[in-house]
Amino acid sequence: MTRIPLTMPAPTRLNAKPQLELTATAELELVAAPGEDAAAPPLPRFRMLAYTGAPMRVAGWRHPVVLDLAGLSIPSQTRPIRFSHDATAGVGHSDAIRIEGGQLVATGVISRDTSAAREVVTSSKNGFPWQASIG
């Protein structure tokens, strides 16, 4: 048996990256997308109010957290959209992220074929008031 030395140490409490997950109440709206191919039904689109500008109560933080939208850098307009922050429960992706009137807004498409994506689409059509969080 050949042993290969690890080049990176296994995460420990001393060298693990701290992970911050922010949760805020926001609205999620699904809208019909114009179809490029008349034979294929258009993919559902969404508009998500990701951050209202209001202070957030974040687990593990003593005081409310406020995002500095004026100093926010958005390196990519395309970001994965996940159900309950679960990487295995993809819903779709954003195609635009912008600041509108002091709020963070994302729009995109329900592009995944997962049970989570189907649940979001079906329940949205039934009027379910989805909430979004950033993290």
C-alpha atoms as a PDB file:
ATOM      1  CA  MET A   1       0.000   0.000   0.000  1.00  0.00           C
ATOM      2  CA  THR A   2       1.304   3.454  -0.900  1.00  0.00           C
ATOM      3  CA  ARG A   3       0.787   6.217   1.611  1.00  0.00           C
ATOM      4  CA  ILE A   4       0.373   9.724   0.266  1.00  0.00           C
ATOM      5  CA  PRO A   5       0.963  12.554   2.732  1.00  0.00           C
ATOM      6  CA  LEU A   6      -1.803  15.119   3.031  1.00  0.00           C
ATOM      7  CA  THR A   7      -0.794  18.562   1.874  1.00  0.00           C
ATOM      8  CA  MET A   8      -3.479  20.335   3.879  1.00  0.00           C
ATOM      9  CA  PRO A   9      -4.302  19.621   7.503  1.00  0.00           C
ATOM     10  CA  ALA A  10      -7.765  18.401   8.369  1.00  0.00           C
ATOM     11  CA  PRO A  11      -9.938  21.221   9.738  1.00  0.00           C
ATOM     12  CA  THR A  12      -9.747  21.759  13.462  1.00  0.00           C
ATOM     13  CA  ARG A  13     -11.256  24.393  15.672  1.00  0.00           C
ATOM     14  CA  LEU A  14      -8.027  26.392  15.307  1.00  0.00           C
ATOM     15  CA  ASN A  15      -7.762  26.420  11.516  1.00  0.00           C
ATOM     16  CA  ALA A  16     -11.390  25.986  10.363  1.00  0.00           C
ATOM     17  CA  LYS A  17     -12.806  28.841   8.337  1.00  0.00           C
ATOM     18  CA  PRO A  18     -15.487  30.692  10.265  1.00  0.00           C
ATOM     19  CA  GLN A  19     -18.831  30.412   8.526  1.00  0.00           C
ATOM     20  CA  LEU A  20     -21.367  33.191   8.653  1.00  0.00           C
ATOM     21  CA  GLU A  21     -24.941  32.538   7.643  1.00  0.00           C
ATOM     22  CA  LEU A  22     -27.301  35.485   7.539  1.00  0.00           C
ATOM     23  CA  THR A  23     -31.028  34.973   7.632  1.00  0.00           C
ATOM     24  CA  ALA A  24     -33.517  37.701   6.861  1.00  0.00           C
ATOM     25  CA  THR A  25     -37.145  37.747   5.933  1.00  0.00           C
ATOM     26  CA  ALA A  26     -37.723  38.662   2.311  1.00  0.00           C
ATOM     27  CA  GLU A  27     -40.229  38.075  -0.430  1.00  0.00           C
ATOM     28  CA  LEU A  28     -39.882  35.718  -3.364  1.00  0.00           C
ATOM     29  CA  GLU A  29     -42.014  36.229  -6.445  1.00  0.00           C
ATOM     30  CA  LEU A  30     -42.182  33.856  -9.416  1.00  0.00           C
ATOM     31  CA  VAL A  31     -42.967  35.379 -12.801  1.00  0.00           C
ATOM     32  CA  ALA A  32     -43.467  33.813 -16.217  1.00  0.00           C
ATOM     33  CA  ALA A  33     -40.428  34.070 -18.495  1.00  0.00           C
ATOM     34  CA  PRO A  34     -40.667  34.740 -22.223  1.00  0.00           C
ATOM     35  CA  GLY A  35     -39.771  31.553 -24.105  1.00  0.00           C
ATOM     36  CA  GLU A  36     -36.900  31.424 -26.595  1.00  0.00           C
ATOM     37  CA  ASP A  37     -38.070  28.121 -28.069  1.00  0.00           C
ATOM     38  CA  ALA A  38     -41.784  27.997 -28.823  1.00  0.00           C
ATOM     39  CA  ALA A  39     -41.774  24.186 -28.470  1.00  0.00           C
ATOM     40  CA  ALA A  40     -40.245  24.194 -24.986  1.00  0.00           C
ATOM     41  CA  PRO A  41     -42.147  25.750 -22.103  1.00  0.00           C
ATOM     42  CA  PRO A  42     -40.309  28.725 -20.580  1.00  0.00           C
ATOM     43  CA  LEU A  43     -38.522  28.187 -17.294  1.00  0.00           C
ATOM     44  CA  PRO A  44     -40.114  30.007 -14.347  1.00  0.00           C
ATOM     45  CA  ARG A  45     -38.347  33.185 -13.259  1.00  0.00           C
ATOM     46  CA  PHE A  46     -38.126  34.692  -9.797  1.00  0.00           C
ATOM     47  CA  ARG A  47     -37.591  38.064  -8.190  1.00  0.00           C
ATOM     48  CA  MET A  48     -36.198  37.890  -4.677  1.00  0.00           C
ATOM     49  CA  LEU A  49     -35.971  40.699  -2.159  1.00  0.00           C
ATOM     50  CA  ALA A  50     -32.853  39.311  -0.489  1.00  0.00           C
ATOM     51  CA  TYR A  51     -32.240  42.096   2.041  1.00  0.00           C
ATOM     52  CA  THR A  52     -34.558  44.924   3.084  1.00  0.00           C
ATOM     53  CA  GLY A  53     -31.959  47.110   4.776  1.00  0.00           C
ATOM     54  CA  ALA A  54     -33.377  46.347   8.221  1.00  0.00           C
ATOM     55  CA  PRO A  55     -31.178  45.045  11.065  1.00  0.00           C
ATOM     56  CA  MET A  56     -31.012  41.238  11.218  1.00  0.00           C
ATOM     57  CA  ARG A  57     -30.757  38.991  14.256  1.00  0.00           C
ATOM     58  CA  VAL A  58     -27.991  36.517  13.408  1.00  0.00           C
ATOM     59  CA  ALA A  59     -27.340  33.428  15.512  1.00  0.00           C
ATOM     60  CA  GLY A  60     -24.043  33.755  17.338  1.00  0.00           C
ATOM     61  CA  TRP A  61     -23.937  37.559  17.104  1.00  0.00           C
ATOM     62  CA  ARG A  62     -24.761  39.635  20.142  1.00  0.00           C
ATOM     63  CA  HIS A  63     -26.054  42.674  18.279  1.00  0.00           C
ATOM     64  CA  PRO A  64     -28.191  43.078  15.165  1.00  0.00           C
ATOM     65  CA  VAL A  65     -26.286  42.888  11.865  1.00  0.00           C
ATOM     66  CA  VAL A  66     -26.728  45.484   9.113  1.00  0.00           C
ATOM     67  CA  LEU A  67     -25.254  45.048   5.629  1.00  0.00           C
ATOM     68  CA  ASP A  68     -23.360  48.015   4.188  1.00  0.00           C
ATOM     69  CA  LEU A  69     -24.934  47.995   0.733  1.00  0.00           C
ATOM     70  CA  ALA A  70     -22.978  51.102  -0.307  1.00  0.00           C
ATOM     71  CA  GLY A  71     -19.738  49.145   0.101  1.00  0.00           C
ATOM     72  CA  LEU A  72     -21.088  45.874  -1.282  1.00  0.00           C
ATOM     73  CA  SER A  73     -19.116  44.287  -4.108  1.00  0.00           C
ATOM     74  CA  ILE A  74     -21.000  41.827  -6.311  1.00  0.00           C
ATOM     75  CA  PRO A  75     -18.322  39.924  -8.268  1.00  0.00           C
ATOM     76  CA  SER A  76     -20.797  37.766 -10.202  1.00  0.00           C
ATOM     77  CA  GLN A  77     -24.424  38.271 -11.184  1.00  0.00           C
ATOM     78  CA  THR A  78     -24.856  34.502 -11.455  1.00  0.00           C
ATOM     79  CA  ARG A  79     -25.201  32.857  -8.046  1.00  0.00           C
ATOM     80  CA  PRO A  80     -26.785  29.515  -7.098  1.00  0.00           C
ATOM     81  CA  ILE A  81     -30.173  29.695  -5.412  1.00  0.00           C
ATOM     82  CA  ARG A  82     -30.663  26.934  -2.870  1.00  0.00           C
ATOM     83  CA  PHE A  83     -33.528  25.664  -0.781  1.00  0.00           C
ATOM     84  CA  SER A  84     -32.759  26.177   2.909  1.00  0.00           C
ATOM     85  CA  HIS A  85     -29.032  26.862   2.201  1.00  0.00           C
ATOM     86  CA  ASP A  86     -28.617  23.180   1.248  1.00  0.00           C
ATOM     87  CA  ALA A  87     -26.094  22.659  -1.581  1.00  0.00           C
ATOM     88  CA  THR A  88     -27.854  19.415  -2.517  1.00  0.00           C
ATOM     89  CA  ALA A  89     -31.230  21.163  -2.876  1.00  0.00           C
ATOM     90  CA  GLY A  90     -30.590  23.543  -5.757  1.00  0.00           C
ATOM     91  CA  VAL A  91     -33.505  25.545  -7.111  1.00  0.00           C
ATOM     92  CA  GLY A  92     -31.959  27.725  -9.801  1.00  0.00           C
ATOM     93  CA  HIS A  93     -29.617  30.644 -10.300  1.00  0.00           C
ATOM     94  CA  SER A  94     -29.655  34.410 -10.323  1.00  0.00           C
ATOM     95  CA  ASP A  95     -28.936  36.372 -13.481  1.00  0.00           C
ATOM     96  CA  ALA A  96     -28.990  39.829 -11.894  1.00  0.00           C
ATOM     97  CA  ILE A  97     -28.194  41.090  -8.396  1.00  0.00           C
ATOM     98  CA  ARG A  98     -28.594  44.787  -7.736  1.00  0.00           C
ATOM     99  CA  ILE A  99     -29.290  47.400  -5.117  1.00  0.00           C
ATOM    100  CA  GLU A 100     -32.665  49.123  -5.544  1.00  0.00           C
ATOM    101  CA  GLY A 101     -33.810  51.794  -3.118  1.00  0.00           C
ATOM    102  CA  GLY A 102     -31.547  50.594  -0.309  1.00  0.00           C
ATOM    103  CA  GLN A 103     -32.559  46.950  -0.762  1.00  0.00           C
ATOM    104  CA  LEU A 104     -30.727  43.969  -2.259  1.00  0.00           C
ATOM    105  CA  VAL A 105     -32.748  42.388  -5.086  1.00  0.00           C
ATOM    106  CA  ALA A 106     -31.930  39.276  -7.118  1.00  0.00           C
ATOM    107  CA  THR A 107     -33.705  37.987 -10.213  1.00  0.00           C
ATOM    108  CA  GLY A 108     -33.138  34.702 -11.953  1.00  0.00           C
ATOM    109  CA  VAL A 109     -34.496  31.456 -13.266  1.00  0.00           C
ATOM    110  CA  ILE A 110     -35.666  28.200 -11.685  1.00  0.00           C
ATOM    111  CA  SER A 111     -33.144  26.168 -13.687  1.00  0.00           C
ATOM    112  CA  ARG A 112     -32.743  23.010 -11.621  1.00  0.00           C
ATOM    113  CA  ASP A 113     -34.747  19.804 -11.966  1.00  0.00           C
ATOM    114  CA  THR A 114     -34.843  18.874  -8.294  1.00  0.00           C
ATOM    115  CA  SER A 115     -37.621  18.107  -5.853  1.00  0.00           C
ATOM    116  CA  ALA A 116     -36.841  21.412  -4.105  1.00  0.00           C
ATOM    117  CA  ALA A 117     -37.225  23.367  -7.367  1.00  0.00           C
ATOM    118  CA  ARG A 118     -40.492  21.615  -8.178  1.00  0.00           C
ATOM    119  CA  GLU A 119     -41.795  22.341  -4.670  1.00  0.00           C
ATOM    120  CA  VAL A 120     -40.925  26.035  -4.986  1.00  0.00           C
ATOM    121  CA  VAL A 121     -42.644  26.345  -8.381  1.00  0.00           C
ATOM    122  CA  THR A 122     -45.772  24.387  -7.453  1.00  0.00           C
ATOM    123  CA  SER A 123     -46.313  26.032  -4.082  1.00  0.00           C
ATOM    124  CA  SER A 124     -45.638  29.506  -5.551  1.00  0.00           C
ATOM    125  CA  LYS A 125     -48.355  28.903  -8.150  1.00  0.00           C
ATOM    126  CA  ASN A 126     -50.623  27.990  -5.227  1.00  0.00           C
ATOM    127  CA  GLY A 127     -49.871  31.337  -3.568  1.00  0.00           C
ATOM    128  CA  PHE A 128     -47.409  30.200  -0.896  1.00  0.00           C
ATOM    129  CA  PRO A 129     -45.587  33.273   0.531  1.00  0.00           C
ATOM    130  CA  TRP A 130     -41.955  32.137   0.226  1.00  0.00           C
ATOM    131  CA  GLN A 131     -39.280  33.902   2.247  1.00  0.00           C
ATOM    132  CA  ALA A 132     -35.643  34.264   1.268  1.00  0.00           C
ATOM    133  CA  SER A 133     -32.422  34.582   3.216  1.00  0.00           C
ATOM    134  CA  ILE A 134     -28.872  35.455   2.294  1.00  0.00           C
ATOM    135  CA  GLY A 135     -25.879  33.517   3.429  1.00  0.00           C
END
